[in-house]
Amino acid sequence: MPAAIRDRFTSRSHAAARFIAQRGLLKPLVWSVTSVTVLGRERLANVEDSYVVVANHTSHLDTPLIMGALPRRLARYLAVGAAADYFFDVWRRRGLTALFFNAFPVDRTGANARGVSTRAVSAKALLNRGVPLLIFPEGTRSRDGSLGTFKPGAAALASSAEVPVLPVAVIGAHAAHPRGSNWPKPGRLPVGVVFGEPLTTFPGELRSEFTERIRSAILTLTEENSERILGVSATSRRIPEGDRS
């Protein structure tokens, strides 16, 4: 960890507390209410220092699944971008997201909603200090589980900081714990986390092109691994939940 500044993002004591919260409490809970498959961890063998994890976003399960699936050495200081207008507007949520996810606020409204300051923590500054990031470039959870449009912020950050992007597909989380539900559905529904090959920007590549390449990688990971993880074909997955018996 190259950072000279010691705060909650880089503190060893905070990292130890997060280890207990994440691996001792949160991961066992999530793994007990879902049936988790993790694929592609061997692709992370050469990843070190700063990087940006980029994933699709369909459920509140996404973050704990990704953090629990990552090797401990990569998850130790990982900081998660969280919506400032929701996770940082109430002190209880702010404290819990800091403890469990090392979260930093992301202003998704463009208006600094409810007076939450997003200037105190710069995502680029965290990367430059050696703190890896987890970002959901769709900006919010998908309503139907489909992959939405990616905002260019994650690609721009990785490009400007000259760090790799780790594309991650989270599969089945929308069905297990859809937007609007208070708790995962009973029955330990199958979910999966699939890590792709690290991506770096090409010389002269536009940020919009890099963004689309990241999105395409996540889409491909989803299409190639859904049947293995869920045990159903891609066609079956597109049947609306209300039409299934």
Foldseek 3Di string as FASTA:
>chain_A
DQAPDDDCLHPPVLLVLLCCCLVVPVLVVLVVQAPEDEADQVLCPPADFAEEEEEAAFAPVVQSNVLVRHDCRQNSNEEEEDACQPQVLDVVSVVVCCSHHVYAYDHPPVPCPPVRDNVVDDPLVCSVSRGYYYYYQVSHHDQQPDGDAGDLPNLVSCQVSVHWYKYKYKEPNCVQGGPPRDHGDGDNAWIYIYIDNIDTDDVPDDSVRVSVVSSVRRVVRCQVCHCVGRVDHPVVSPDGPVPDD
